[in-house]
N, C-alpha and C. Protein backbone atom coordinates (compact mmCIF):
# COMPACT_ATOMS: atom_id res chain seq x y z
N MET A 1 108.60 96.85 105.15
CA MET A 1 109.53 97.75 104.51
C MET A 1 108.81 98.46 103.37
N LEU A 2 109.14 99.70 103.16
CA LEU A 2 108.63 100.44 102.01
C LEU A 2 109.52 100.18 100.80
N VAL A 3 108.93 100.29 99.63
CA VAL A 3 109.75 100.26 98.42
C VAL A 3 110.66 101.48 98.50
N PRO A 4 111.98 101.30 98.45
CA PRO A 4 112.87 102.46 98.55
C PRO A 4 112.54 103.51 97.49
N GLU A 5 112.70 104.78 97.88
CA GLU A 5 112.34 105.88 96.99
C GLU A 5 113.05 105.80 95.64
N GLY A 6 114.34 105.47 95.64
CA GLY A 6 115.08 105.37 94.39
C GLY A 6 114.54 104.27 93.49
N ILE A 7 114.05 103.18 94.08
CA ILE A 7 113.47 102.09 93.30
C ILE A 7 112.12 102.54 92.74
N ALA A 8 111.35 103.25 93.52
CA ALA A 8 110.07 103.77 93.04
C ALA A 8 110.30 104.69 91.84
N GLU A 9 111.37 105.49 91.89
CA GLU A 9 111.70 106.35 90.74
C GLU A 9 112.14 105.50 89.54
N PHE A 10 112.89 104.41 89.80
CA PHE A 10 113.31 103.49 88.75
C PHE A 10 112.08 102.94 88.02
N PHE A 11 111.03 102.62 88.77
CA PHE A 11 109.83 102.05 88.15
C PHE A 11 109.21 102.99 87.12
N ALA A 12 109.45 104.28 87.27
CA ALA A 12 108.90 105.25 86.31
C ALA A 12 109.69 105.25 85.00
N MET A 13 110.90 104.68 85.02
CA MET A 13 111.71 104.60 83.80
C MET A 13 111.10 103.53 82.91
N ARG A 14 111.02 103.81 81.65
CA ARG A 14 110.44 102.83 80.73
C ARG A 14 111.36 102.63 79.56
N PRO A 15 111.32 101.51 78.93
CA PRO A 15 110.49 100.36 79.23
C PRO A 15 111.11 99.48 80.32
N ILE A 16 110.27 98.69 80.96
CA ILE A 16 110.71 97.73 81.97
C ILE A 16 110.11 96.38 81.66
N TRP A 17 110.94 95.35 81.70
CA TRP A 17 110.49 93.97 81.60
C TRP A 17 110.48 93.40 83.00
N LEU A 18 109.63 92.44 83.23
CA LEU A 18 109.60 91.83 84.55
C LEU A 18 109.21 90.37 84.48
N HIS A 19 109.58 89.66 85.49
CA HIS A 19 109.12 88.29 85.71
C HIS A 19 109.07 88.08 87.22
N ALA A 20 108.39 87.01 87.61
CA ALA A 20 108.21 86.74 89.04
C ALA A 20 108.70 85.34 89.36
N GLY A 21 108.91 85.09 90.63
CA GLY A 21 109.34 83.78 91.06
C GLY A 21 108.71 83.38 92.38
N THR A 22 108.54 82.07 92.53
CA THR A 22 108.04 81.49 93.78
C THR A 22 108.85 80.23 94.04
N ARG A 23 108.62 79.64 95.19
CA ARG A 23 109.18 78.32 95.46
C ARG A 23 108.18 77.56 96.32
N GLY A 24 108.16 76.26 96.11
CA GLY A 24 107.22 75.41 96.83
C GLY A 24 107.75 74.96 98.17
N ALA A 25 106.96 74.14 98.84
CA ALA A 25 107.36 73.59 100.13
C ALA A 25 108.65 72.78 100.00
N ASP A 26 108.87 72.19 98.81
CA ASP A 26 110.09 71.43 98.56
C ASP A 26 111.26 72.32 98.15
N LEU A 27 111.05 73.65 98.16
CA LEU A 27 112.02 74.68 97.80
C LEU A 27 112.36 74.70 96.31
N ALA A 28 111.64 73.92 95.51
CA ALA A 28 111.85 73.94 94.06
C ALA A 28 111.29 75.26 93.52
N PRO A 29 112.10 76.00 92.76
CA PRO A 29 111.66 77.30 92.26
C PRO A 29 110.76 77.19 91.03
N ALA A 30 110.01 78.24 90.80
CA ALA A 30 109.21 78.36 89.58
C ALA A 30 109.28 79.81 89.12
N VAL A 31 109.38 79.99 87.82
CA VAL A 31 109.39 81.34 87.22
C VAL A 31 108.03 81.57 86.60
N HIS A 32 107.51 82.78 86.76
CA HIS A 32 106.19 83.14 86.25
C HIS A 32 106.32 84.37 85.36
N PHE A 33 105.65 84.34 84.22
CA PHE A 33 105.67 85.49 83.33
C PHE A 33 104.77 86.57 83.92
N ALA A 34 105.33 87.72 84.16
CA ALA A 34 104.59 88.87 84.68
C ALA A 34 104.63 89.95 83.61
N ASN A 35 103.51 90.63 83.42
CA ASN A 35 103.49 91.60 82.32
C ASN A 35 102.95 92.97 82.70
N ALA A 36 102.79 93.25 83.96
CA ALA A 36 102.41 94.60 84.38
C ALA A 36 102.64 94.73 85.88
N PHE A 37 102.74 95.96 86.33
CA PHE A 37 102.88 96.23 87.76
C PHE A 37 102.42 97.64 88.04
N ARG A 38 102.08 97.86 89.28
CA ARG A 38 101.78 99.22 89.73
C ARG A 38 102.23 99.33 91.18
N VAL A 39 102.82 100.46 91.50
CA VAL A 39 103.39 100.70 92.82
C VAL A 39 102.39 101.51 93.63
N ASP A 40 102.16 101.10 94.84
CA ASP A 40 101.32 101.84 95.77
C ASP A 40 101.89 103.26 95.92
N PRO A 41 101.06 104.29 95.84
CA PRO A 41 101.58 105.66 95.97
C PRO A 41 102.38 105.90 97.26
N GLU A 42 102.06 105.15 98.31
CA GLU A 42 102.80 105.29 99.57
C GLU A 42 103.96 104.30 99.66
N ARG A 43 104.19 103.53 98.57
CA ARG A 43 105.31 102.60 98.42
C ARG A 43 105.26 101.43 99.39
N ARG A 44 104.08 101.06 99.87
CA ARG A 44 103.94 99.94 100.81
C ARG A 44 103.96 98.59 100.11
N PHE A 45 103.58 98.57 98.83
CA PHE A 45 103.48 97.30 98.10
C PHE A 45 103.55 97.57 96.61
N VAL A 46 103.73 96.49 95.86
CA VAL A 46 103.70 96.53 94.40
C VAL A 46 102.73 95.44 93.95
N ASP A 47 101.75 95.80 93.14
CA ASP A 47 100.86 94.80 92.55
C ASP A 47 101.47 94.33 91.25
N VAL A 48 101.59 93.01 91.09
CA VAL A 48 102.22 92.41 89.92
C VAL A 48 101.20 91.54 89.21
N LEU A 49 101.07 91.72 87.91
CA LEU A 49 100.15 90.94 87.10
C LEU A 49 100.89 89.73 86.56
N VAL A 50 100.48 88.53 86.98
CA VAL A 50 101.11 87.28 86.58
C VAL A 50 100.17 86.54 85.64
N VAL A 51 100.68 86.21 84.45
CA VAL A 51 99.87 85.53 83.45
C VAL A 51 99.58 84.11 83.93
N ASP A 52 98.31 83.72 83.83
CA ASP A 52 97.90 82.36 84.17
C ASP A 52 98.34 81.43 83.05
N THR A 53 99.23 80.50 83.37
CA THR A 53 99.72 79.55 82.37
C THR A 53 99.40 78.14 82.81
N LYS A 54 99.31 77.26 81.83
CA LYS A 54 99.05 75.86 82.11
C LYS A 54 100.18 75.31 82.98
N GLY A 55 99.81 74.63 84.04
CA GLY A 55 100.82 74.05 84.92
C GLY A 55 101.40 75.01 85.94
N SER A 56 100.91 76.25 85.99
CA SER A 56 101.45 77.21 86.95
C SER A 56 101.23 76.72 88.38
N ARG A 57 102.24 76.91 89.19
CA ARG A 57 102.14 76.53 90.60
C ARG A 57 102.10 77.77 91.49
N LEU A 58 101.74 78.91 90.92
CA LEU A 58 101.71 80.17 91.66
C LEU A 58 100.88 80.06 92.93
N ARG A 59 99.63 79.67 92.79
CA ARG A 59 98.74 79.60 93.96
C ARG A 59 99.24 78.57 94.99
N GLU A 60 99.66 77.43 94.49
CA GLU A 60 100.18 76.37 95.37
C GLU A 60 101.39 76.86 96.15
N HIS A 61 102.33 77.50 95.46
CA HIS A 61 103.54 77.97 96.12
C HIS A 61 103.25 79.06 97.14
N LEU A 62 102.36 79.98 96.79
CA LEU A 62 102.04 81.04 97.75
C LEU A 62 101.32 80.48 98.97
N ALA A 63 100.52 79.43 98.76
CA ALA A 63 99.87 78.78 99.90
C ALA A 63 100.90 78.04 100.76
N ASP A 64 101.94 77.48 100.11
CA ASP A 64 102.98 76.76 100.85
C ASP A 64 103.75 77.66 101.80
N ASN A 65 104.20 78.84 101.29
CA ASN A 65 105.09 79.64 102.12
C ASN A 65 104.97 81.15 101.93
N GLY A 66 104.21 81.57 100.95
CA GLY A 66 103.98 83.00 100.75
C GLY A 66 105.13 83.78 100.14
N VAL A 67 106.25 83.13 99.84
CA VAL A 67 107.42 83.85 99.30
C VAL A 67 107.18 84.18 97.83
N PHE A 68 107.40 85.44 97.48
CA PHE A 68 107.18 85.92 96.11
C PHE A 68 108.26 86.93 95.77
N THR A 69 108.84 86.81 94.58
CA THR A 69 109.83 87.78 94.12
C THR A 69 109.39 88.33 92.78
N ALA A 70 109.78 89.55 92.53
CA ALA A 70 109.57 90.16 91.21
C ALA A 70 110.87 90.81 90.80
N ASN A 71 111.23 90.58 89.55
CA ASN A 71 112.47 91.11 88.99
C ASN A 71 112.13 92.10 87.90
N PHE A 72 112.71 93.28 87.96
CA PHE A 72 112.41 94.38 87.04
C PHE A 72 113.69 94.76 86.32
N VAL A 73 113.63 94.82 84.99
CA VAL A 73 114.79 95.13 84.17
C VAL A 73 114.45 96.30 83.25
N GLN A 74 115.25 97.38 83.31
CA GLN A 74 115.04 98.52 82.42
C GLN A 74 115.85 98.29 81.16
N LEU A 75 115.20 98.51 80.03
CA LEU A 75 115.86 98.33 78.74
C LEU A 75 116.19 99.68 78.13
N PRO A 76 117.26 99.80 77.41
CA PRO A 76 118.25 98.77 77.10
C PRO A 76 119.41 98.71 78.09
N SER A 77 119.36 99.45 79.18
CA SER A 77 120.51 99.53 80.10
C SER A 77 120.74 98.24 80.89
N HIS A 78 119.71 97.44 81.07
CA HIS A 78 119.72 96.22 81.89
C HIS A 78 119.86 96.52 83.38
N LYS A 79 119.63 97.78 83.77
CA LYS A 79 119.57 98.10 85.20
C LYS A 79 118.43 97.26 85.78
N SER A 80 118.71 96.54 86.87
CA SER A 80 117.76 95.54 87.36
C SER A 80 117.67 95.55 88.88
N TYR A 81 116.45 95.31 89.36
CA TYR A 81 116.20 95.18 90.79
C TYR A 81 115.28 94.00 91.03
N GLN A 82 115.49 93.35 92.17
CA GLN A 82 114.61 92.27 92.59
C GLN A 82 114.01 92.67 93.93
N LEU A 83 112.69 92.55 94.02
CA LEU A 83 111.99 92.74 95.29
C LEU A 83 111.55 91.36 95.76
N LYS A 84 111.84 91.06 97.01
CA LYS A 84 111.48 89.77 97.58
C LYS A 84 110.66 90.03 98.84
N GLY A 85 109.59 89.26 98.99
CA GLY A 85 108.77 89.43 100.18
C GLY A 85 107.61 88.46 100.20
N ARG A 86 106.50 88.93 100.73
CA ARG A 86 105.30 88.11 100.86
C ARG A 86 104.35 88.43 99.71
N GLY A 87 103.81 87.37 99.10
CA GLY A 87 102.85 87.53 98.02
C GLY A 87 101.44 87.23 98.49
N GLU A 88 100.53 88.08 98.09
CA GLU A 88 99.12 87.94 98.47
C GLU A 88 98.29 87.98 97.19
N ILE A 89 97.57 86.92 96.90
CA ILE A 89 96.74 86.89 95.69
C ILE A 89 95.52 87.77 95.91
N LEU A 90 95.35 88.77 95.02
CA LEU A 90 94.20 89.65 95.09
C LEU A 90 93.05 89.14 94.23
N GLY A 91 93.37 88.33 93.22
CA GLY A 91 92.32 87.79 92.35
C GLY A 91 92.65 88.01 90.90
N ALA A 92 91.65 87.77 90.07
CA ALA A 92 91.82 87.90 88.62
C ALA A 92 92.02 89.35 88.24
N SER A 93 92.73 89.54 87.14
CA SER A 93 92.96 90.90 86.65
C SER A 93 91.65 91.52 86.17
N ASP A 94 91.61 92.85 86.22
CA ASP A 94 90.45 93.58 85.72
C ASP A 94 90.89 94.41 84.52
N PRO A 95 89.96 95.05 83.82
CA PRO A 95 90.34 95.81 82.61
C PRO A 95 91.40 96.88 82.86
N SER A 96 91.40 97.53 84.02
CA SER A 96 92.39 98.59 84.26
C SER A 96 93.80 98.01 84.35
N VAL A 97 93.94 96.83 84.96
CA VAL A 97 95.25 96.20 85.07
C VAL A 97 95.69 95.67 83.72
N ARG A 98 94.75 95.10 82.96
CA ARG A 98 95.10 94.61 81.62
C ARG A 98 95.52 95.78 80.72
N ALA A 99 94.96 96.96 80.95
CA ALA A 99 95.37 98.14 80.19
C ALA A 99 96.83 98.50 80.51
N LEU A 100 97.23 98.32 81.76
CA LEU A 100 98.64 98.53 82.13
C LEU A 100 99.54 97.54 81.40
N ALA A 101 99.09 96.30 81.31
CA ALA A 101 99.87 95.28 80.60
C ALA A 101 100.00 95.62 79.13
N LYS A 102 98.93 96.09 78.53
CA LYS A 102 98.97 96.47 77.11
C LYS A 102 99.92 97.64 76.91
N ALA A 103 99.87 98.62 77.78
CA ALA A 103 100.76 99.79 77.67
C ALA A 103 102.22 99.37 77.80
N LEU A 104 102.52 98.46 78.74
CA LEU A 104 103.89 98.00 78.91
C LEU A 104 104.35 97.20 77.70
N ALA A 105 103.46 96.36 77.14
CA ALA A 105 103.81 95.61 75.93
C ALA A 105 104.13 96.56 74.78
N ASP A 106 103.34 97.62 74.65
CA ASP A 106 103.58 98.61 73.59
C ASP A 106 104.93 99.31 73.79
N GLU A 107 105.22 99.68 75.06
CA GLU A 107 106.48 100.36 75.37
C GLU A 107 107.70 99.47 75.12
N ASN A 108 107.52 98.16 75.31
CA ASN A 108 108.63 97.23 75.19
C ASN A 108 108.89 96.77 73.76
N ALA A 109 107.98 97.03 72.84
CA ALA A 109 108.10 96.50 71.48
C ALA A 109 109.36 96.98 70.76
N SER A 110 109.55 98.27 70.66
CA SER A 110 110.71 98.80 69.92
C SER A 110 112.04 98.39 70.53
N PRO A 111 112.21 98.48 71.87
CA PRO A 111 113.47 98.02 72.45
C PRO A 111 113.72 96.53 72.22
N ALA A 112 112.67 95.73 72.24
CA ALA A 112 112.85 94.29 72.00
C ALA A 112 113.38 94.05 70.59
N ILE A 113 112.81 94.73 69.61
CA ILE A 113 113.26 94.60 68.22
C ILE A 113 114.71 95.08 68.11
N ALA A 114 115.01 96.21 68.76
CA ALA A 114 116.37 96.76 68.71
C ALA A 114 117.39 95.82 69.34
N LEU A 115 116.96 95.02 70.33
CA LEU A 115 117.85 94.07 70.98
C LEU A 115 117.96 92.75 70.21
N GLY A 116 117.22 92.65 69.10
CA GLY A 116 117.34 91.46 68.26
C GLY A 116 116.25 90.42 68.43
N PHE A 117 115.23 90.71 69.24
CA PHE A 117 114.13 89.77 69.36
C PHE A 117 113.29 89.81 68.09
N PRO A 118 112.78 88.66 67.64
CA PRO A 118 111.98 88.65 66.42
C PRO A 118 110.59 89.26 66.64
N GLN A 119 109.98 89.69 65.57
CA GLN A 119 108.64 90.26 65.64
C GLN A 119 107.65 89.27 66.27
N SER A 120 107.85 87.98 66.04
CA SER A 120 106.94 86.98 66.61
C SER A 120 106.97 87.03 68.14
N PHE A 121 108.13 87.34 68.73
CA PHE A 121 108.24 87.49 70.17
C PHE A 121 107.43 88.70 70.64
N VAL A 122 107.59 89.81 69.95
CA VAL A 122 106.86 91.03 70.29
C VAL A 122 105.36 90.79 70.18
N ASP A 123 104.94 90.08 69.12
CA ASP A 123 103.52 89.78 68.93
C ASP A 123 102.98 88.92 70.07
N LYS A 124 103.78 87.97 70.53
CA LYS A 124 103.36 87.10 71.65
C LYS A 124 103.22 87.91 72.93
N MET A 125 104.17 88.82 73.19
CA MET A 125 104.08 89.67 74.38
C MET A 125 102.82 90.53 74.34
N ASP A 126 102.50 91.02 73.14
CA ASP A 126 101.29 91.82 72.98
C ASP A 126 100.05 90.98 73.25
N ALA A 127 100.02 89.76 72.72
CA ALA A 127 98.88 88.87 72.92
C ALA A 127 98.70 88.53 74.40
N LEU A 128 99.81 88.32 75.11
CA LEU A 128 99.73 87.97 76.53
C LEU A 128 99.22 89.13 77.38
N SER A 129 99.28 90.35 76.87
CA SER A 129 98.80 91.49 77.66
C SER A 129 97.29 91.39 77.93
N GLY A 130 96.58 90.63 77.12
CA GLY A 130 95.14 90.46 77.34
C GLY A 130 94.78 89.09 77.89
N ALA A 131 95.80 88.29 78.22
CA ALA A 131 95.55 86.92 78.68
C ALA A 131 95.00 86.90 80.11
N PRO A 132 94.29 85.82 80.45
CA PRO A 132 93.85 85.68 81.85
C PRO A 132 95.05 85.74 82.78
N SER A 133 94.92 86.52 83.83
CA SER A 133 96.04 86.78 84.73
C SER A 133 95.56 86.92 86.16
N THR A 134 96.50 86.81 87.07
CA THR A 134 96.24 86.95 88.50
C THR A 134 97.06 88.12 89.04
N VAL A 135 96.44 88.94 89.86
CA VAL A 135 97.14 90.05 90.49
C VAL A 135 97.67 89.57 91.84
N VAL A 136 98.99 89.72 92.01
CA VAL A 136 99.65 89.35 93.26
C VAL A 136 100.20 90.63 93.89
N ARG A 137 99.82 90.86 95.13
CA ARG A 137 100.35 92.02 95.86
C ARG A 137 101.63 91.59 96.57
N LEU A 138 102.71 92.25 96.21
CA LEU A 138 104.02 91.96 96.80
C LEU A 138 104.29 92.96 97.92
N HIS A 139 104.43 92.43 99.13
CA HIS A 139 104.81 93.24 100.29
C HIS A 139 106.32 93.03 100.47
N PRO A 140 107.14 93.98 99.99
CA PRO A 140 108.59 93.74 99.98
C PRO A 140 109.20 93.68 101.37
N GLU A 141 110.14 92.75 101.50
CA GLU A 141 110.92 92.62 102.72
C GLU A 141 112.41 92.87 102.46
N HIS A 142 112.82 92.62 101.20
CA HIS A 142 114.21 92.81 100.80
C HIS A 142 114.26 93.33 99.37
N VAL A 143 115.26 94.13 99.06
CA VAL A 143 115.49 94.62 97.70
C VAL A 143 116.94 94.33 97.35
N PHE A 144 117.15 93.82 96.14
CA PHE A 144 118.49 93.49 95.67
C PHE A 144 118.76 94.20 94.35
N ASP A 145 119.98 94.71 94.23
CA ASP A 145 120.43 95.27 92.96
C ASP A 145 120.88 94.09 92.11
N GLN A 146 120.22 93.86 90.99
CA GLN A 146 120.55 92.73 90.12
C GLN A 146 121.16 93.19 88.80
N THR A 147 121.57 94.46 88.73
CA THR A 147 122.20 94.97 87.52
C THR A 147 123.47 94.18 87.23
N PRO A 148 123.62 93.66 86.00
CA PRO A 148 124.83 92.91 85.69
C PRO A 148 126.09 93.72 86.01
N GLY A 149 127.06 93.07 86.64
CA GLY A 149 128.30 93.73 87.01
C GLY A 149 128.74 93.32 88.39
N PRO A 150 129.76 93.98 88.91
CA PRO A 150 130.34 93.58 90.19
C PRO A 150 129.40 93.69 91.39
N GLY A 151 128.39 94.56 91.32
CA GLY A 151 127.47 94.72 92.45
C GLY A 151 126.23 93.86 92.36
N ALA A 152 126.13 93.02 91.34
CA ALA A 152 124.92 92.21 91.15
C ALA A 152 124.68 91.30 92.35
N GLY A 153 123.45 91.30 92.80
CA GLY A 153 123.07 90.46 93.93
C GLY A 153 123.19 91.15 95.28
N LYS A 154 123.66 92.39 95.29
CA LYS A 154 123.86 93.10 96.55
C LYS A 154 122.51 93.50 97.15
N ARG A 155 122.35 93.16 98.41
CA ARG A 155 121.13 93.54 99.13
C ARG A 155 121.19 95.03 99.43
N MET A 156 120.09 95.71 99.16
CA MET A 156 120.03 97.15 99.38
C MET A 156 119.34 97.45 100.70
N GLU A 157 119.73 98.53 101.29
CA GLU A 157 119.08 98.97 102.54
C GLU A 157 117.78 99.65 102.20
N GLY A 158 116.76 99.39 102.99
CA GLY A 158 115.45 99.97 102.72
C GLY A 158 115.16 101.05 103.66
């Protein structure tokens, strides 16, 4: 499935916060802090930068079943989408991807403060933009509207 055109346009809206999810062979879920993304110009995939954290089961979970989700939230509207599909580890982040993470951290700073997050939170997000990270290529199979409200969780047609 291609990333739907409307979702690709949504990705251009800034700022956007994101996080990722996996599940193991035992179906136990794990949440991963993601701090950057880029959409393939032909909308075939989305590369997601996942911060390497102590105890992360990202690689283990993707080896178990390959299921990977990424959740994108536009601030301050909270318009949200989840892409679910197959995750493929491309390897460690490079300077160009870390630059995307830094740009997103910068874009998210003012809205985070406006929403009541403390400066220490913003500083941590900024610091994580340069942290060791793994690039996961998400090949979407399903898209869900996760915007809070009556339509939350609705599967979208691709």
